[in-house]
Amino acid sequence: MLHLNWKDAPTIRTVTCTHTDAAKYLVSNVLTVGKTYEVKNETEEFIFVIDNTGHIGGYYKTYFA
């Protein structure tokens, strides 16, 4: 279970949140527009970052620049 080690893994890069306007999910509670987040893992569709709660969360790449 590799996802258990992502929080301690080295940061791949950093991204900045551009919006929190989600059609289906509420992300404004865990992401802040303009804030920079550390990317711990990435897939074709999702970016896994340490969000405002201090935990790893997976979000669509459309929220970041």
N, C-alpha and C. Protein backbone atom coordinates (compact mmCIF):
# COMPACT_ATOMS: atom_id res chain seq x y z
N MET A 1 0.84 -1.18 0.00
CA MET A 1 0.00 0.00 0.00
C MET A 1 0.88 1.24 0.00
N LEU A 2 1.25 1.65 -1.19
CA LEU A 2 2.16 2.77 -1.36
C LEU A 2 1.58 4.10 -0.88
N HIS A 3 0.26 4.26 -0.94
CA HIS A 3 -0.34 5.54 -0.57
C HIS A 3 -0.14 5.87 0.91
N LEU A 4 0.20 4.91 1.72
CA LEU A 4 0.44 5.18 3.14
C LEU A 4 1.75 5.94 3.36
N ASN A 5 2.65 5.90 2.40
CA ASN A 5 3.95 6.57 2.52
C ASN A 5 4.01 7.90 1.76
N TRP A 6 2.95 8.31 1.09
CA TRP A 6 2.98 9.52 0.28
C TRP A 6 3.24 10.77 1.10
N LYS A 7 2.72 10.85 2.29
CA LYS A 7 2.88 12.07 3.11
C LYS A 7 4.35 12.31 3.43
N ASP A 8 5.12 11.25 3.63
CA ASP A 8 6.54 11.36 3.94
C ASP A 8 7.42 11.35 2.70
N ALA A 9 6.85 11.12 1.54
CA ALA A 9 7.62 11.05 0.30
C ALA A 9 8.13 12.43 -0.09
N PRO A 10 9.20 12.49 -0.86
CA PRO A 10 9.70 13.80 -1.31
C PRO A 10 8.68 14.47 -2.24
N THR A 11 8.68 15.78 -2.22
CA THR A 11 7.77 16.55 -3.05
C THR A 11 8.22 16.49 -4.50
N ILE A 12 7.29 16.15 -5.41
CA ILE A 12 7.60 16.09 -6.84
C ILE A 12 7.74 17.49 -7.42
N ARG A 13 6.77 18.35 -7.11
CA ARG A 13 6.76 19.74 -7.55
C ARG A 13 5.70 20.46 -6.74
N THR A 14 5.53 21.74 -6.97
CA THR A 14 4.48 22.49 -6.30
C THR A 14 3.51 23.02 -7.35
N VAL A 15 2.25 23.15 -6.96
CA VAL A 15 1.21 23.69 -7.83
C VAL A 15 0.41 24.72 -7.06
N THR A 16 -0.22 25.63 -7.79
CA THR A 16 -1.05 26.66 -7.19
C THR A 16 -2.50 26.41 -7.56
N CYS A 17 -3.38 26.50 -6.59
CA CYS A 17 -4.81 26.31 -6.82
C CYS A 17 -5.36 27.52 -7.56
N THR A 18 -6.06 27.29 -8.67
CA THR A 18 -6.60 28.40 -9.47
C THR A 18 -8.07 28.65 -9.21
N HIS A 19 -8.83 27.61 -8.84
CA HIS A 19 -10.25 27.79 -8.53
C HIS A 19 -10.74 26.61 -7.70
N THR A 20 -11.89 26.80 -7.07
CA THR A 20 -12.52 25.72 -6.30
C THR A 20 -13.97 25.55 -6.73
N ASP A 21 -14.28 25.95 -7.96
CA ASP A 21 -15.63 25.83 -8.49
C ASP A 21 -15.84 24.42 -9.03
N ALA A 22 -16.40 23.56 -8.20
CA ALA A 22 -16.62 22.17 -8.58
C ALA A 22 -18.10 21.94 -8.85
N ALA A 23 -18.37 21.20 -9.91
CA ALA A 23 -19.76 20.91 -10.25
C ALA A 23 -20.34 19.81 -9.38
N LYS A 24 -19.50 18.87 -8.96
CA LYS A 24 -20.02 17.69 -8.27
C LYS A 24 -19.58 17.60 -6.81
N TYR A 25 -18.38 18.03 -6.49
CA TYR A 25 -17.84 17.86 -5.14
C TYR A 25 -17.55 19.21 -4.50
N LEU A 26 -17.55 19.26 -3.19
CA LEU A 26 -17.23 20.47 -2.44
C LEU A 26 -15.74 20.45 -2.09
N VAL A 27 -14.95 21.26 -2.76
CA VAL A 27 -13.51 21.29 -2.51
C VAL A 27 -13.06 22.59 -1.85
N SER A 28 -13.96 23.55 -1.70
CA SER A 28 -13.58 24.84 -1.11
C SER A 28 -13.24 24.71 0.37
N ASN A 29 -13.62 23.61 1.01
CA ASN A 29 -13.28 23.40 2.42
C ASN A 29 -11.84 22.94 2.59
N VAL A 30 -11.24 22.36 1.56
CA VAL A 30 -9.90 21.79 1.70
C VAL A 30 -8.86 22.41 0.78
N LEU A 31 -9.27 23.24 -0.18
CA LEU A 31 -8.34 23.94 -1.06
C LEU A 31 -8.62 25.44 -0.98
N THR A 32 -7.56 26.24 -1.09
CA THR A 32 -7.68 27.68 -1.06
C THR A 32 -7.12 28.24 -2.35
N VAL A 33 -7.90 29.10 -3.01
CA VAL A 33 -7.47 29.70 -4.27
C VAL A 33 -6.24 30.57 -4.01
N GLY A 34 -5.21 30.38 -4.83
CA GLY A 34 -3.98 31.16 -4.71
C GLY A 34 -2.92 30.52 -3.83
N LYS A 35 -3.28 29.50 -3.09
CA LYS A 35 -2.31 28.83 -2.20
C LYS A 35 -1.51 27.79 -2.99
N THR A 36 -0.26 27.63 -2.61
CA THR A 36 0.63 26.66 -3.25
C THR A 36 0.64 25.37 -2.45
N TYR A 37 0.52 24.24 -3.16
CA TYR A 37 0.48 22.92 -2.53
C TYR A 37 1.61 22.05 -3.04
N GLU A 38 2.08 21.13 -2.20
CA GLU A 38 3.14 20.20 -2.56
C GLU A 38 2.52 18.97 -3.20
N VAL A 39 3.00 18.61 -4.39
CA VAL A 39 2.51 17.42 -5.09
C VAL A 39 3.30 16.22 -4.61
N LYS A 40 2.59 15.21 -4.11
CA LYS A 40 3.24 13.99 -3.63
C LYS A 40 3.14 12.85 -4.62
N ASN A 41 2.09 12.85 -5.45
CA ASN A 41 1.93 11.84 -6.49
C ASN A 41 1.02 12.41 -7.56
N GLU A 42 1.09 11.83 -8.77
CA GLU A 42 0.33 12.36 -9.88
C GLU A 42 -0.05 11.23 -10.82
N THR A 43 -1.27 11.29 -11.35
CA THR A 43 -1.72 10.36 -12.38
C THR A 43 -2.14 11.20 -13.58
N GLU A 44 -2.71 10.55 -14.59
CA GLU A 44 -3.15 11.30 -15.77
C GLU A 44 -4.27 12.27 -15.46
N GLU A 45 -5.14 11.92 -14.50
CA GLU A 45 -6.31 12.73 -14.22
C GLU A 45 -6.26 13.47 -12.88
N PHE A 46 -5.50 12.95 -11.92
CA PHE A 46 -5.50 13.49 -10.57
C PHE A 46 -4.12 13.94 -10.11
N ILE A 47 -4.12 14.89 -9.18
CA ILE A 47 -2.92 15.31 -8.46
C ILE A 47 -3.18 15.05 -6.99
N PHE A 48 -2.23 14.43 -6.32
CA PHE A 48 -2.35 14.14 -4.89
C PHE A 48 -1.48 15.11 -4.13
N VAL A 49 -2.11 15.96 -3.32
CA VAL A 49 -1.41 17.02 -2.59
C VAL A 49 -1.75 16.93 -1.11
N ILE A 50 -0.95 17.60 -0.30
CA ILE A 50 -1.29 17.79 1.10
C ILE A 50 -2.19 19.01 1.17
N ASP A 51 -3.46 18.80 1.47
CA ASP A 51 -4.43 19.89 1.44
C ASP A 51 -4.48 20.64 2.77
N ASN A 52 -5.48 21.50 2.95
CA ASN A 52 -5.58 22.34 4.15
C ASN A 52 -5.82 21.54 5.42
N THR A 53 -6.28 20.31 5.32
CA THR A 53 -6.50 19.47 6.49
C THR A 53 -5.21 18.84 6.99
N GLY A 54 -4.15 18.89 6.18
CA GLY A 54 -2.88 18.28 6.55
C GLY A 54 -2.75 16.84 6.09
N HIS A 55 -3.75 16.35 5.37
CA HIS A 55 -3.74 14.99 4.87
C HIS A 55 -3.59 15.00 3.35
N ILE A 56 -3.26 13.85 2.78
CA ILE A 56 -3.16 13.71 1.33
C ILE A 56 -4.56 13.64 0.75
N GLY A 57 -4.79 14.42 -0.29
CA GLY A 57 -6.07 14.38 -1.00
C GLY A 57 -5.83 14.33 -2.48
N GLY A 58 -6.68 13.63 -3.21
CA GLY A 58 -6.58 13.54 -4.66
C GLY A 58 -7.60 14.45 -5.31
N TYR A 59 -7.13 15.31 -6.21
CA TYR A 59 -8.02 16.31 -6.85
C TYR A 59 -7.75 16.32 -8.34
N TYR A 60 -8.80 16.69 -9.10
CA TYR A 60 -8.63 16.83 -10.54
C TYR A 60 -7.58 17.88 -10.85
N LYS A 61 -6.85 17.68 -11.92
CA LYS A 61 -5.80 18.62 -12.30
C LYS A 61 -6.35 19.98 -12.70
N THR A 62 -7.64 20.06 -13.00
CA THR A 62 -8.23 21.33 -13.44
C THR A 62 -8.23 22.39 -12.34
N TYR A 63 -8.08 21.99 -11.09
CA TYR A 63 -8.05 22.95 -10.00
C TYR A 63 -6.71 23.65 -9.84
N PHE A 64 -5.69 23.19 -10.53
CA PHE A 64 -4.33 23.68 -10.31
C PHE A 64 -3.70 24.20 -11.61
N ALA A 65 -2.70 25.07 -11.40
CA ALA A 65 -1.92 25.57 -12.54
C ALA A 65 -0.49 25.17 -12.38
